[in-house]
Every structure is written in structure tokens, then in C-alpha cells.
C-alpha atoms as a PDB file:
ATOM      1  CA  MET A   1      -3.853  -3.137  51.092  1.00  0.00           C
ATOM      2  CA  SER A   2      -6.238  -0.497  49.841  1.00  0.00           C
ATOM      3  CA  GLN A   3      -9.909  -1.416  49.677  1.00  0.00           C
ATOM      4  CA  ARG A   4     -10.979   1.520  47.552  1.00  0.00           C
ATOM      5  CA  ARG A   5     -14.041   0.905  45.419  1.00  0.00           C
ATOM      6  CA  ILE A   6     -13.761   1.677  41.724  1.00  0.00           C
ATOM      7  CA  LEU A   7     -16.489   1.322  39.126  1.00  0.00           C
ATOM      8  CA  ILE A   8     -15.066   0.766  35.638  1.00  0.00           C
ATOM      9  CA  THR A   9     -17.159   0.815  32.473  1.00  0.00           C
ATOM     10  CA  GLY A  10     -15.932  -1.351  29.618  1.00  0.00           C
ATOM     11  CA  THR A  11     -14.194  -4.075  31.676  1.00  0.00           C
ATOM     12  CA  ALA A  12     -14.758  -6.721  28.980  1.00  0.00           C
ATOM     13  CA  GLY A  13     -13.001  -4.399  26.541  1.00  0.00           C
ATOM     14  CA  PHE A  14      -9.309  -4.277  25.770  1.00  0.00           C
ATOM     15  CA  ILE A  15      -8.216  -1.395  28.003  1.00  0.00           C
ATOM     16  CA  GLY A  16     -10.849  -1.893  30.710  1.00  0.00           C
ATOM     17  CA  PHE A  17      -9.766  -5.507  31.166  1.00  0.00           C
ATOM     18  CA  HIS A  18      -6.117  -4.532  31.653  1.00  0.00           C
ATOM     19  CA  LEU A  19      -6.969  -1.670  34.021  1.00  0.00           C
ATOM     20  CA  ALA A  20      -9.298  -3.809  36.138  1.00  0.00           C
ATOM     21  CA  SER A  21      -6.650  -6.528  36.325  1.00  0.00           C
ATOM     22  CA  LEU A  22      -4.002  -4.047  37.517  1.00  0.00           C
ATOM     23  CA  LEU A  23      -6.283  -2.502  40.148  1.00  0.00           C
ATOM     24  CA  LEU A  24      -7.432  -5.882  41.453  1.00  0.00           C
ATOM     25  CA  ASP A  25      -3.803  -6.977  41.798  1.00  0.00           C
ATOM     26  CA  GLU A  26      -3.249  -3.853  43.914  1.00  0.00           C
ATOM     27  CA  GLY A  27      -6.140  -4.752  46.208  1.00  0.00           C
ATOM     28  CA  PHE A  28      -8.872  -2.474  44.904  1.00  0.00           C
ATOM     29  CA  VAL A  29     -12.499  -3.598  44.857  1.00  0.00           C
ATOM     30  CA  VAL A  30     -13.709  -3.282  41.258  1.00  0.00           C
ATOM     31  CA  HIS A  31     -17.146  -3.517  39.720  1.00  0.00           C
ATOM     32  CA  GLY A  32     -17.194  -3.780  35.945  1.00  0.00           C
ATOM     33  CA  TYR A  33     -20.015  -2.641  33.678  1.00  0.00           C
ATOM     34  CA  ASP A  34     -20.047  -3.724  30.034  1.00  0.00           C
ATOM     35  CA  GLY A  35     -22.630  -3.986  27.267  1.00  0.00           C
ATOM     36  CA  MET A  36     -20.879  -6.940  25.543  1.00  0.00           C
ATOM     37  CA  THR A  37     -21.850  -5.583  22.108  1.00  0.00           C
ATOM     38  CA  ASP A  38     -21.011  -7.643  19.031  1.00  0.00           C
ATOM     39  CA  TYR A  39     -18.898  -4.977  17.302  1.00  0.00           C
ATOM     40  CA  TYR A  40     -16.209  -7.679  17.444  1.00  0.00           C
ATOM     41  CA  ASP A  41     -16.038 -11.312  18.647  1.00  0.00           C
ATOM     42  CA  VAL A  42     -17.974 -11.440  21.915  1.00  0.00           C
ATOM     43  CA  ARG A  43     -16.067 -14.580  22.931  1.00  0.00           C
ATOM     44  CA  LEU A  44     -12.960 -12.465  23.416  1.00  0.00           C
ATOM     45  CA  LYS A  45     -14.921 -10.155  25.740  1.00  0.00           C
ATOM     46  CA  GLN A  46     -16.393 -13.107  27.627  1.00  0.00           C
ATOM     47  CA  ARG A  47     -12.938 -14.596  28.117  1.00  0.00           C
ATOM     48  CA  ARG A  48     -11.601 -11.316  29.517  1.00  0.00           C
ATOM     49  CA  HIS A  49     -14.488 -11.087  31.998  1.00  0.00           C
ATOM     50  CA  ALA A  50     -14.072 -14.729  32.974  1.00  0.00           C
ATOM     51  CA  MET A  51     -10.415 -14.094  33.816  1.00  0.00           C
ATOM     52  CA  LEU A  52     -11.299 -11.043  35.918  1.00  0.00           C
ATOM     53  CA  LEU A  53     -13.980 -12.995  37.781  1.00  0.00           C
ATOM     54  CA  GLN A  54     -11.264 -15.379  38.967  1.00  0.00           C
ATOM     55  CA  LYS A  55      -9.653 -12.532  40.909  1.00  0.00           C
ATOM     56  CA  PRO A  56     -10.908 -11.613  44.390  1.00  0.00           C
ATOM     57  CA  GLY A  57     -12.656  -8.253  44.590  1.00  0.00           C
ATOM     58  CA  PHE A  58     -14.199  -8.266  41.110  1.00  0.00           C
ATOM     59  CA  SER A  59     -17.882  -8.292  40.242  1.00  0.00           C
ATOM     60  CA  ALA A  60     -19.595  -7.334  37.004  1.00  0.00           C
ATOM     61  CA  THR A  61     -22.836  -6.296  35.371  1.00  0.00           C
ATOM     62  CA  GLU A  62     -23.608  -6.907  31.710  1.00  0.00           C
ATOM     63  CA  ALA A  63     -25.880  -4.120  30.477  1.00  0.00           C
ATOM     64  CA  MET A  64     -25.844  -1.203  28.077  1.00  0.00           C
ATOM     65  CA  LEU A  65     -24.660   2.217  29.207  1.00  0.00           C
ATOM     66  CA  GLU A  66     -27.585   3.813  27.406  1.00  0.00           C
ATOM     67  CA  ASP A  67     -29.843   2.031  29.946  1.00  0.00           C
ATOM     68  CA  GLN A  68     -29.732   4.745  32.593  1.00  0.00           C
ATOM     69  CA  ALA A  69     -31.914   2.881  35.099  1.00  0.00           C
ATOM     70  CA  SER A  70     -29.581  -0.112  34.987  1.00  0.00           C
ATOM     71  CA  PHE A  71     -26.423   1.959  35.401  1.00  0.00           C
ATOM     72  CA  ASP A  72     -27.971   4.006  38.230  1.00  0.00           C
ATOM     73  CA  ARG A  73     -28.967   0.838  40.062  1.00  0.00           C
ATOM     74  CA  VAL A  74     -25.445  -0.588  39.784  1.00  0.00           C
ATOM     75  CA  ALA A  75     -23.793   2.660  40.865  1.00  0.00           C
ATOM     76  CA  ASP A  76     -26.162   3.089  43.827  1.00  0.00           C
ATOM     77  CA  GLU A  77     -25.568  -0.470  45.037  1.00  0.00           C
ATOM     78  CA  PHE A  78     -21.787  -0.416  44.568  1.00  0.00           C
ATOM     79  CA  GLN A  79     -21.215   3.121  45.928  1.00  0.00           C
ATOM     80  CA  PRO A  80     -17.881   3.726  44.160  1.00  0.00           C
ATOM     81  CA  GLU A  81     -15.350   6.236  45.396  1.00  0.00           C
ATOM     82  CA  VAL A  82     -14.012   6.612  41.840  1.00  0.00           C
ATOM     83  CA  ILE A  83     -15.530   5.978  38.402  1.00  0.00           C
ATOM     84  CA  VAL A  84     -13.323   5.232  35.386  1.00  0.00           C
ATOM     85  CA  HIS A  85     -15.388   5.453  32.205  1.00  0.00           C
ATOM     86  CA  LEU A  86     -13.747   3.538  29.354  1.00  0.00           C
ATOM     87  CA  ALA A  87     -16.760   2.000  27.599  1.00  0.00           C
ATOM     88  CA  ALA A  88     -17.427   3.455  24.167  1.00  0.00           C
ATOM     89  CA  GLN A  89     -18.269   2.590  20.632  1.00  0.00           C
ATOM     90  CA  ALA A  90     -14.746   2.532  19.292  1.00  0.00           C
ATOM     91  CA  GLY A  91     -13.243   2.535  15.829  1.00  0.00           C
ATOM     92  CA  VAL A  92     -12.734   5.367  13.391  1.00  0.00           C
ATOM     93  CA  ARG A  93     -13.724   3.369  10.307  1.00  0.00           C
ATOM     94  CA  TYR A  94     -16.938   1.887  11.708  1.00  0.00           C
ATOM     95  CA  SER A  95     -18.126   5.426  12.489  1.00  0.00           C
ATOM     96  CA  LEU A  96     -18.437   5.981   8.737  1.00  0.00           C
ATOM     97  CA  GLU A  97     -20.926   3.100   8.500  1.00  0.00           C
ATOM     98  CA  ASN A  98     -22.936   3.428  11.694  1.00  0.00           C
ATOM     99  CA  PRO A  99     -22.634   6.953  13.142  1.00  0.00           C
ATOM    100  CA  ARG A 100     -25.735   6.636  15.353  1.00  0.00           C
ATOM    101  CA  ALA A 101     -24.065   3.913  17.435  1.00  0.00           C
ATOM    102  CA  TYR A 102     -21.465   6.500  18.446  1.00  0.00           C
ATOM    103  CA  LEU A 103     -24.027   9.057  19.554  1.00  0.00           C
ATOM    104  CA  ASP A 104     -25.918   6.463  21.597  1.00  0.00           C
ATOM    105  CA  ALA A 105     -22.915   4.864  23.309  1.00  0.00           C
ATOM    106  CA  ASN A 106     -20.479   7.758  23.536  1.00  0.00           C
ATOM    107  CA  VAL A 107     -22.721  10.765  24.181  1.00  0.00           C
ATOM    108  CA  ILE A 108     -25.832   9.334  25.881  1.00  0.00           C
ATOM    109  CA  GLY A 109     -23.827   6.641  27.673  1.00  0.00           C
ATOM    110  CA  THR A 110     -21.292   9.163  28.944  1.00  0.00           C
ATOM    111  CA  PHE A 111     -24.072  11.495  30.102  1.00  0.00           C
ATOM    112  CA  ASN A 112     -25.515   8.650  32.180  1.00  0.00           C
ATOM    113  CA  VAL A 113     -22.123   8.015  33.780  1.00  0.00           C
ATOM    114  CA  MET A 114     -21.677  11.718  34.575  1.00  0.00           C
ATOM    115  CA  GLU A 115     -25.146  11.926  36.122  1.00  0.00           C
ATOM    116  CA  ALA A 116     -24.368   8.989  38.417  1.00  0.00           C
ATOM    117  CA  ALA A 117     -21.000  10.509  39.361  1.00  0.00           C
ATOM    118  CA  ARG A 118     -22.697  13.816  40.179  1.00  0.00           C
ATOM    119  CA  ARG A 119     -25.413  12.188  42.266  1.00  0.00           C
ATOM    120  CA  LEU A 120     -22.977  10.006  44.224  1.00  0.00           C
ATOM    121  CA  LYS A 121     -20.446  12.849  44.618  1.00  0.00           C
ATOM    122  CA  VAL A 122     -17.552  10.585  43.644  1.00  0.00           C
ATOM    123  CA  ALA A 123     -14.059  11.731  44.605  1.00  0.00           C
ATOM    124  CA  HIS A 124     -12.818  11.526  41.004  1.00  0.00           C
ATOM    125  CA  LEU A 125     -14.388  10.829  37.613  1.00  0.00           C
ATOM    126  CA  LEU A 126     -11.940   9.732  34.910  1.00  0.00           C
ATOM    127  CA  MET A 127     -13.105   9.355  31.306  1.00  0.00           C
ATOM    128  CA  ALA A 128     -11.470   8.179  28.105  1.00  0.00           C
ATOM    129  CA  SER A 129     -11.124  10.474  25.140  1.00  0.00           C
ATOM    130  CA  THR A 130      -8.861   9.920  22.138  1.00  0.00           C
ATOM    131  CA  SER A 131      -5.956  11.426  20.228  1.00  0.00           C
ATOM    132  CA  SER A 132      -8.412  11.618  17.316  1.00  0.00           C
ATOM    133  CA  VAL A 133      -9.840  14.819  18.842  1.00  0.00           C
ATOM    134  CA  TYR A 134      -6.725  16.628  17.581  1.00  0.00           C
ATOM    135  CA  GLY A 135      -8.179  16.039  14.106  1.00  0.00           C
ATOM    136  CA  ALA A 136      -6.636  18.261  11.453  1.00  0.00           C
ATOM    137  CA  ASN A 137      -4.126  19.845  13.833  1.00  0.00           C
ATOM    138  CA  THR A 138      -0.666  19.639  12.292  1.00  0.00           C
ATOM    139  CA  GLU A 139       1.652  21.013  14.983  1.00  0.00           C
ATOM    140  CA  MET A 140       3.235  18.050  16.743  1.00  0.00           C
ATOM    141  CA  PRO A 141       3.745  16.626  19.250  1.00  0.00           C
ATOM    142  CA  PHE A 142       0.132  17.285  20.244  1.00  0.00           C
ATOM    143  CA  ILE A 143      -0.152  19.119  23.555  1.00  0.00           C
ATOM    144  CA  GLU A 144      -3.272  19.302  25.716  1.00  0.00           C
ATOM    145  CA  THR A 145      -3.350  23.097  25.859  1.00  0.00           C
ATOM    146  CA  GLU A 146      -3.727  23.585  22.098  1.00  0.00           C
ATOM    147  CA  LYS A 147      -7.149  24.038  20.522  1.00  0.00           C
ATOM    148  CA  ALA A 148      -8.757  20.881  19.188  1.00  0.00           C
ATOM    149  CA  ASP A 149     -11.760  21.969  17.142  1.00  0.00           C
ATOM    150  CA  THR A 150     -11.240  20.220  13.812  1.00  0.00           C
ATOM    151  CA  GLN A 151     -12.363  16.612  14.358  1.00  0.00           C
ATOM    152  CA  LEU A 152     -12.495  14.552  11.165  1.00  0.00           C
ATOM    153  CA  THR A 153     -14.881  11.704  12.118  1.00  0.00           C
ATOM    154  CA  ILE A 154     -18.092  11.354  14.094  1.00  0.00           C
ATOM    155  CA  TYR A 155     -16.148   9.099  16.499  1.00  0.00           C
ATOM    156  CA  ALA A 156     -13.717  11.910  17.282  1.00  0.00           C
ATOM    157  CA  ALA A 157     -16.561  14.432  17.431  1.00  0.00           C
ATOM    158  CA  THR A 158     -18.460  12.388  20.031  1.00  0.00           C
ATOM    159  CA  LYS A 159     -15.307  12.118  22.123  1.00  0.00           C
ATOM    160  CA  LYS A 160     -14.746  15.886  21.945  1.00  0.00           C
ATOM    161  CA  ALA A 161     -18.395  16.344  22.942  1.00  0.00           C
ATOM    162  CA  THR A 162     -17.819  14.253  26.068  1.00  0.00           C
ATOM    163  CA  GLU A 163     -14.809  16.409  26.954  1.00  0.00           C
ATOM    164  CA  SER A 164     -17.032  19.513  26.785  1.00  0.00           C
ATOM    165  CA  MET A 165     -19.796  17.819  28.771  1.00  0.00           C
ATOM    166  CA  GLY A 166     -17.255  16.738  31.374  1.00  0.00           C
ATOM    167  CA  HIS A 167     -16.001  20.292  31.770  1.00  0.00           C
ATOM    168  CA  ALA A 168     -19.534  21.618  32.239  1.00  0.00           C
ATOM    169  CA  TYR A 169     -20.309  19.061  34.952  1.00  0.00           C
ATOM    170  CA  ALA A 170     -16.981  19.660  36.678  1.00  0.00           C
ATOM    171  CA  HIS A 171     -17.761  23.386  36.762  1.00  0.00           C
ATOM    172  CA  LEU A 172     -21.431  23.141  37.759  1.00  0.00           C
ATOM    173  CA  TRP A 173     -21.136  20.430  40.413  1.00  0.00           C
ATOM    174  CA  ASN A 174     -17.500  20.770  41.498  1.00  0.00           C
ATOM    175  CA  LEU A 175     -16.963  17.215  40.240  1.00  0.00           C
ATOM    176  CA  PRO A 176     -13.218  16.448  39.893  1.00  0.00           C
ATOM    177  CA  THR A 177     -12.854  15.139  36.342  1.00  0.00           C
ATOM    178  CA  THR A 178      -9.866  13.945  34.316  1.00  0.00           C
ATOM    179  CA  MET A 179     -10.156  13.184  30.600  1.00  0.00           C
ATOM    180  CA  PHE A 180      -7.380  11.168  29.004  1.00  0.00           C
ATOM    181  CA  ARG A 181      -6.531  11.178  25.320  1.00  0.00           C
ATOM    182  CA  PHE A 182      -5.203   7.769  24.278  1.00  0.00           C
ATOM    183  CA  PHE A 183      -2.666   7.354  21.483  1.00  0.00           C
ATOM    184  CA  THR A 184      -2.861   4.126  19.392  1.00  0.00           C
ATOM    185  CA  VAL A 185      -3.012   1.539  22.160  1.00  0.00           C
ATOM    186  CA  TYR A 186      -1.886  -2.019  21.401  1.00  0.00           C
ATOM    187  CA  GLY A 187      -0.933  -5.207  23.231  1.00  0.00           C
ATOM    188  CA  PRO A 188      -2.168  -8.661  24.329  1.00  0.00           C
ATOM    189  CA  TRP A 189      -5.941  -9.158  24.443  1.00  0.00           C
ATOM    190  CA  GLY A 190      -6.281  -6.314  21.934  1.00  0.00           C
ATOM    191  CA  ARG A 191      -9.239  -5.595  19.682  1.00  0.00           C
ATOM    192  CA  PRO A 192      -9.470  -7.560  16.405  1.00  0.00           C
ATOM    193  CA  ASP A 193     -10.186  -4.336  14.476  1.00  0.00           C
ATOM    194  CA  LEU A 194      -6.841  -2.776  15.459  1.00  0.00           C
ATOM    195  CA  ALA A 195      -4.001  -2.717  12.932  1.00  0.00           C
ATOM    196  CA  LEU A 196      -1.551  -4.942  14.828  1.00  0.00           C
ATOM    197  CA  TYR A 197      -4.170  -7.664  15.351  1.00  0.00           C
ATOM    198  CA  LYS A 198      -5.287  -7.575  11.717  1.00  0.00           C
ATOM    199  CA  PHE A 199      -1.711  -7.542  10.399  1.00  0.00           C
ATOM    200  CA  VAL A 200      -0.538 -10.500  12.503  1.00  0.00           C
ATOM    201  CA  ASP A 201      -3.627 -12.552  11.686  1.00  0.00           C
ATOM    202  CA  ALA A 202      -3.340 -11.863   7.940  1.00  0.00           C
ATOM    203  CA  ILE A 203       0.414 -12.489   7.708  1.00  0.00           C
ATOM    204  CA  LEU A 204       0.114 -15.844   9.509  1.00  0.00           C
ATOM    205  CA  GLU A 205      -2.607 -16.858   7.035  1.00  0.00           C
ATOM    206  CA  ASP A 206      -0.829 -15.484   3.945  1.00  0.00           C
ATOM    207  CA  ARG A 207      -3.557 -12.917   3.336  1.00  0.00           C
ATOM    208  CA  PRO A 208      -2.628  -9.414   2.121  1.00  0.00           C
ATOM    209  CA  ILE A 209      -2.586  -6.483   4.548  1.00  0.00           C
ATOM    210  CA  ASP A 210      -3.969  -3.069   3.627  1.00  0.00           C
ATOM    211  CA  ILE A 211      -1.431  -0.289   4.157  1.00  0.00           C
ATOM    212  CA  TYR A 212      -3.060   3.118   3.874  1.00  0.00           C
ATOM    213  CA  ASN A 213      -1.473   6.250   2.428  1.00  0.00           C
ATOM    214  CA  HIS A 214       1.136   3.921   0.905  1.00  0.00           C
ATOM    215  CA  GLY A 215       2.692   3.497   4.348  1.00  0.00           C
ATOM    216  CA  ASP A 216       3.439   7.172   4.811  1.00  0.00           C
ATOM    217  CA  MET A 217       1.661   7.208   8.176  1.00  0.00           C
ATOM    218  CA  TYR A 218       3.021   7.833  11.659  1.00  0.00           C
ATOM    219  CA  ARG A 219       1.533   6.717  14.957  1.00  0.00           C
ATOM    220  CA  ASP A 220       2.444   7.103  18.610  1.00  0.00           C
ATOM    221  CA  PHE A 221       2.061   3.430  19.565  1.00  0.00           C
ATOM    222  CA  THR A 222       1.314   3.063  23.288  1.00  0.00           C
ATOM    223  CA  TYR A 223       1.673  -0.321  24.990  1.00  0.00           C
ATOM    224  CA  VAL A 224      -1.413  -1.227  27.003  1.00  0.00           C
ATOM    225  CA  ASP A 225       0.440  -1.993  30.275  1.00  0.00           C
ATOM    226  CA  ASP A 226       2.011   1.477  30.141  1.00  0.00           C
ATOM    227  CA  LEU A 227      -1.373   3.043  29.454  1.00  0.00           C
ATOM    228  CA  VAL A 228      -3.184   1.439  32.388  1.00  0.00           C
ATOM    229  CA  ARG A 229      -0.277   2.204  34.723  1.00  0.00           C
ATOM    230  CA  ALA A 230      -0.697   5.857  33.745  1.00  0.00           C
ATOM    231  CA  ILE A 231      -4.460   5.688  34.442  1.00  0.00           C
ATOM    232  CA  ARG A 232      -3.786   4.060  37.812  1.00  0.00           C
ATOM    233  CA  LEU A 233      -1.475   6.932  38.772  1.00  0.00           C
ATOM    234  CA  LEU A 234      -3.885   9.570  37.457  1.00  0.00           C
ATOM    235  CA  ILE A 235      -6.618   8.221  39.766  1.00  0.00           C
ATOM    236  CA  ASP A 236      -4.651   9.823  42.607  1.00  0.00           C
ATOM    237  CA  ALA A 237      -3.904  13.049  40.675  1.00  0.00           C
ATOM    238  CA  VAL A 238      -7.261  14.621  41.493  1.00  0.00           C
ATOM    239  CA  PRO A 239      -7.733  18.010  39.789  1.00  0.00           C
ATOM    240  CA  VAL A 240      -8.595  20.925  42.051  1.00  0.00           C
ATOM    241  CA  ARG A 241     -10.311  24.107  40.892  1.00  0.00           C
ATOM    242  CA  PRO A 242      -7.661  26.855  41.113  1.00  0.00           C
ATOM    243  CA  ALA A 243      -8.724  29.325  43.812  1.00  0.00           C
ATOM    244  CA  ASP A 244      -7.359  32.342  41.933  1.00  0.00           C
ATOM    245  CA  GLY A 245      -8.014  31.063  38.410  1.00  0.00           C
ATOM    246  CA  VAL A 246      -4.274  30.897  37.725  1.00  0.00           C
ATOM    247  CA  VAL A 247      -3.017  27.747  35.979  1.00  0.00           C
ATOM    248  CA  ARG A 248       0.614  26.623  35.650  1.00  0.00           C
ATOM    249  CA  ASP A 249       2.085  26.913  32.142  1.00  0.00           C
ATOM    250  CA  GLY A 250       1.658  23.647  30.238  1.00  0.00           C
ATOM    251  CA  ASP A 251      -1.166  22.438  32.474  1.00  0.00           C
ATOM    252  CA  SER A 252      -4.571  21.844  30.891  1.00  0.00           C
ATOM    253  CA  LEU A 253      -6.327  22.387  34.239  1.00  0.00           C
ATOM    254  CA  SER A 254      -9.412  24.558  33.759  1.00  0.00           C
ATOM    255  CA  PRO A 255      -9.289  28.003  35.416  1.00  0.00           C
ATOM    256  CA  VAL A 256     -12.968  27.586  36.392  1.00  0.00           C
ATOM    257  CA  ALA A 257     -13.384  23.888  37.190  1.00  0.00           C
ATOM    258  CA  PRO A 258     -11.627  20.869  38.782  1.00  0.00           C
ATOM    259  CA  TYR A 259     -11.088  19.504  35.279  1.00  0.00           C
ATOM    260  CA  ARG A 260      -8.058  18.456  33.280  1.00  0.00           C
ATOM    261  CA  VAL A 261      -7.192  16.754  29.963  1.00  0.00           C
ATOM    262  CA  VAL A 262      -4.129  14.482  29.877  1.00  0.00           C
ATOM    263  CA  ASN A 263      -2.396  12.819  26.922  1.00  0.00           C
ATOM    264  CA  ILE A 264      -1.316   9.222  27.443  1.00  0.00           C
ATOM    265  CA  GLY A 265       1.147   8.306  24.709  1.00  0.00           C
ATOM    266  CA  ASN A 266       4.638   6.976  24.162  1.00  0.00           C
ATOM    267  CA  SER A 267       5.947  10.326  22.844  1.00  0.00           C
ATOM    268  CA  ASP A 268       7.563   8.425  19.999  1.00  0.00           C
ATOM    269  CA  LYS A 269       6.405   8.876  16.406  1.00  0.00           C
ATOM    270  CA  VAL A 270       6.761   5.542  14.579  1.00  0.00           C
ATOM    271  CA  ARG A 271       6.445   5.139  10.811  1.00  0.00           C
ATOM    272  CA  LEU A 272       3.813   2.576   9.854  1.00  0.00           C
ATOM    273  CA  LEU A 273       6.241   0.780   7.507  1.00  0.00           C
ATOM    274  CA  ASP A 274       8.725   0.367  10.376  1.00  0.00           C
ATOM    275  CA  PHE A 275       5.891  -1.092  12.452  1.00  0.00           C
ATOM    276  CA  VAL A 276       5.101  -3.599   9.675  1.00  0.00           C
ATOM    277  CA  ASP A 277       8.818  -4.457   9.329  1.00  0.00           C
ATOM    278  CA  ALA A 278       8.953  -5.235  13.052  1.00  0.00           C
ATOM    279  CA  ILE A 279       5.893  -7.511  12.809  1.00  0.00           C
ATOM    280  CA  GLU A 280       7.475  -9.389   9.900  1.00  0.00           C
ATOM    281  CA  GLU A 281      10.698  -9.828  11.830  1.00  0.00           C
ATOM    282  CA  CYS A 282       8.842 -11.090  14.886  1.00  0.00           C
ATOM    283  CA  LEU A 283       6.784 -13.577  12.853  1.00  0.00           C
ATOM    284  CA  GLY A 284       9.683 -14.627  10.668  1.00  0.00           C
ATOM    285  CA  ARG A 285       7.678 -14.140   7.484  1.00  0.00           C
ATOM    286  CA  LYS A 286       6.907 -11.403   5.008  1.00  0.00           C
ATOM    287  CA  ALA A 287       3.595  -9.642   4.584  1.00  0.00           C
ATOM    288  CA  ILE A 288       1.779  -9.413   1.258  1.00  0.00           C
ATOM    289  CA  ARG A 289       1.467  -5.633   1.157  1.00  0.00           C
ATOM    290  CA  ASN A 290      -1.525  -3.987  -0.459  1.00  0.00           C
ATOM    291  CA  TYR A 291      -0.635  -0.294  -0.652  1.00  0.00           C
ATOM    292  CA  MET A 292      -3.683   1.963  -0.702  1.00  0.00           C
ATOM    293  CA  GLY A 293      -4.602   5.640  -0.652  1.00  0.00           C
ATOM    294  CA  MET A 294      -5.561   7.593   2.448  1.00  0.00           C
ATOM    295  CA  GLN A 295      -8.581   6.220   4.304  1.00  0.00           C
ATOM    296  CA  MET A 296     -11.494   8.636   4.658  1.00  0.00           C
ATOM    297  CA  GLY A 297     -11.426  10.403   8.028  1.00  0.00           C
ATOM    298  CA  ASP A 298      -7.923   9.171   8.869  1.00  0.00           C
ATOM    299  CA  VAL A 299      -4.987  11.391   9.811  1.00  0.00           C
ATOM    300  CA  PRO A 300      -1.417  10.982   8.542  1.00  0.00           C
ATOM    301  CA  ALA A 301       0.233  11.265  11.951  1.00  0.00           C
ATOM    302  CA  THR A 302      -0.320  11.304  15.719  1.00  0.00           C
ATOM    303  CA  TRP A 303       2.338  12.077  18.291  1.00  0.00           C
ATOM    304  CA  ALA A 304       1.841  12.878  21.979  1.00  0.00           C
ATOM    305  CA  ASN A 305       3.523  15.386  24.210  1.00  0.00           C
ATOM    306  CA  ALA A 306       3.380  13.446  27.509  1.00  0.00           C
ATOM    307  CA  GLU A 307       5.066  16.039  29.728  1.00  0.00           C
ATOM    308  CA  LEU A 308       1.879  16.823  31.655  1.00  0.00           C
ATOM    309  CA  LEU A 309       1.387  13.147  32.498  1.00  0.00           C
ATOM    310  CA  GLN A 310       4.964  12.975  33.742  1.00  0.00           C
ATOM    311  CA  HIS A 311       4.538  16.178  35.765  1.00  0.00           C
ATOM    312  CA  LEU A 312       1.383  14.844  37.449  1.00  0.00           C
ATOM    313  CA  THR A 313       2.504  11.259  38.073  1.00  0.00           C
ATOM    314  CA  GLY A 314       6.276  11.051  37.654  1.00  0.00           C
ATOM    315  CA  TYR A 315       5.618   8.427  34.964  1.00  0.00           C
ATOM    316  CA  ARG A 316       5.643   8.220  31.208  1.00  0.00           C
ATOM    317  CA  PRO A 317       5.061   5.258  28.856  1.00  0.00           C
ATOM    318  CA  GLN A 318       8.259   4.002  27.255  1.00  0.00           C
ATOM    319  CA  THR A 319       7.825   0.433  25.982  1.00  0.00           C
ATOM    320  CA  ASP A 320       9.606   0.128  22.630  1.00  0.00           C
ATOM    321  CA  PHE A 321       7.168  -0.869  19.885  1.00  0.00           C
ATOM    322  CA  ARG A 322       9.316  -3.870  18.939  1.00  0.00           C
ATOM    323  CA  ASP A 323       9.072  -5.268  22.481  1.00  0.00           C
ATOM    324  CA  GLY A 324       5.332  -4.596  22.563  1.00  0.00           C
ATOM    325  CA  ILE A 325       4.814  -6.348  19.225  1.00  0.00           C
ATOM    326  CA  ALA A 326       6.747  -9.397  20.482  1.00  0.00           C
ATOM    327  CA  ARG A 327       4.506  -9.637  23.559  1.00  0.00           C
ATOM    328  CA  PHE A 328       1.380  -9.322  21.444  1.00  0.00           C
ATOM    329  CA  VAL A 329       2.537 -11.984  18.990  1.00  0.00           C
ATOM    330  CA  ALA A 330       3.343 -14.384  21.860  1.00  0.00           C
ATOM    331  CA  TRP A 331      -0.189 -13.879  23.238  1.00  0.00           C
ATOM    332  CA  PHE A 332      -1.797 -14.197  19.793  1.00  0.00           C
ATOM    333  CA  ARG A 333      -0.020 -17.460  18.976  1.00  0.00           C
ATOM    334  CA  GLU A 334      -0.946 -18.963  22.328  1.00  0.00           C
ATOM    335  CA  TYR A 335      -4.573 -17.787  22.277  1.00  0.00           C
ATOM    336  CA  TYR A 336      -5.273 -18.952  18.725  1.00  0.00           C
ATOM    337  CA  GLY A 337      -2.809 -21.849  18.648  1.00  0.00           C
ATOM    338  CA  LYS A 338      -1.056 -20.457  15.556  1.00  0.00           C
END
């Protein structure tokens, strides 16, 4: 059993909880760091942490990432071999209301993580970005080697900023860094602000659901277990600065740094109305549909090219969205007794 030490930010969050759980089950020693902000129900975050604390090898600190002294102290005491940075102020829509929260958490917080990784000379720094960085790009499926300079929200802009910061640190300090771009993650223990959670909750309570762009939206829905399995495999796919500056076609590896961007998505473009149909079928009841125009800052479609992930790890997400919805609904009904 491996006893590698991994520091994960955001372990009380949706994805961080699932990743920590997977790594602990594989015998890793994990320290979680989470600010427990009240962007959504803190009880859900507390429950996730409580479950992790029941597993051997897990410890946690509750503090804000913007508190550099606190994060430095934790990193120095834990001495991680690898840092996986998942903590962020999430949500496209909330970024319209409170943009400063995104700068504080996503830019300053990420800078603090990078500084600790540089100082401790970790073997690999992995950080979460988002498919939202593709912004107004229209050529799909999105591939990591295409330009992504047209972000449409401050959330996406802060994530693109962290990609640029990560590249600079990888180049300056020879710090192996992998950024992953997530595509519409869903599953048990998900965030209450995500579409699946809101839809299931509303349908069970006979409240209407808001369907933007009149349902003419497409998403690459990625099941959370698939996502964290991909992250686990990418931990071992450490980028190396190419000695001659030559990079393989289709690889986003930097010619001047041990740095790479990797899409993690299902490579399957699903129409939002088909997603809603599947939820209705799973629940055995119809939604009250409130069709609306396009939401400000939103994009009509996302779709990942996941060939680089498969090349690096031999793995690609493939859970069918209907199966994923069924697993989420089973969790939701049990957790809320509905």
C-alpha cells in the first residue's frame, strides 16, 4: 500500500470529497484544507468532512486559502509530495453578483498554493480549471491546444488567470504542473447550485424548473467518479519540460515548462432537454418547465475532446448520463428522505 502524502484543497467540496475518498481507499495519506464558506449549505460540507474523518489517513484544516500564513503552516507541517488544488469560488451565475469573491479565492488563493508548492518543491502540482475558459470558442469538441482567450464571465477569467500563473511558475521554478479543465461534473454529494440538484429538488416538490435558452443547450456531463479516477491517474502523469522544445502533436505540454492542460470530460454532447427527460423518467414524474432566454455569461454548448487524457492515462470517462442521474437520485432521496 502506498503511503504517499497528498494535500488537497477543497476536501469539503463536491469534487474534493470524492477525490479524497478515492485516494484514502487506495492507501494514500491525505490532508484536506477547506474554508467551509457559506456559498451553499455548510451542513453538506460538514457531513462530507465527517465521512472522510472516519477513514484512516485523513486529517483536515478548516481555514481560508486567502490566509497565506495558515496555508503555509499546514503545508510545512504536512510536507506533501503532491498538492491537488480544487478549492475555488465556484458558480458562473454567482460571479455576476459577487465578482470580488472570485478574485480573492481563485487568484489570491491559488497564488498561495503555488507559493507553497514552489517552496516545498513538490513532485507534482495539479490544479482545477474549467471548461468555461473556452468561452466564446465555437469549434467543438474543445481541444486543449486551441486558443482560449474569450472568457465570458469573471469566474472563467479567474480560472484562465490561474492557468497562466501556473505556467509561469512551472517555467520559473521547474515545478511540474497539470491543470485540468472540468466539464459539467455531477453525481452524489453534488452542489445544490448545480442543475441536476436543483431540477431533482424542484420536481419532487412540484416547483417549476428554469430551462435556459428554451432548452437548446448542450453539455458534456461528466460523472464525478469518472472525474476523480482521471485525476488519480493524472497524479502519476507528471509533465516533463521537453529537452528540445519539441511537443507531440495533440499534446498541450508547454515547450518551455513542465506544464500541461488536460480536459476531463465524457466526450459526449448531451442536449439539456434530453437530460431533463431522463430526470423525469428516473423520478417517475413530470417537471413544470419554465422556458427562459439565454442566461447572461452562459454558453450554448460544451463538449470535450478527451484524447489527451486517454493518451496520458489509458482512461476516459464513459458513464452514461442516465446511469449517473439514477445514482444521484438514489443518493438524494436517501440523504433528504424524499
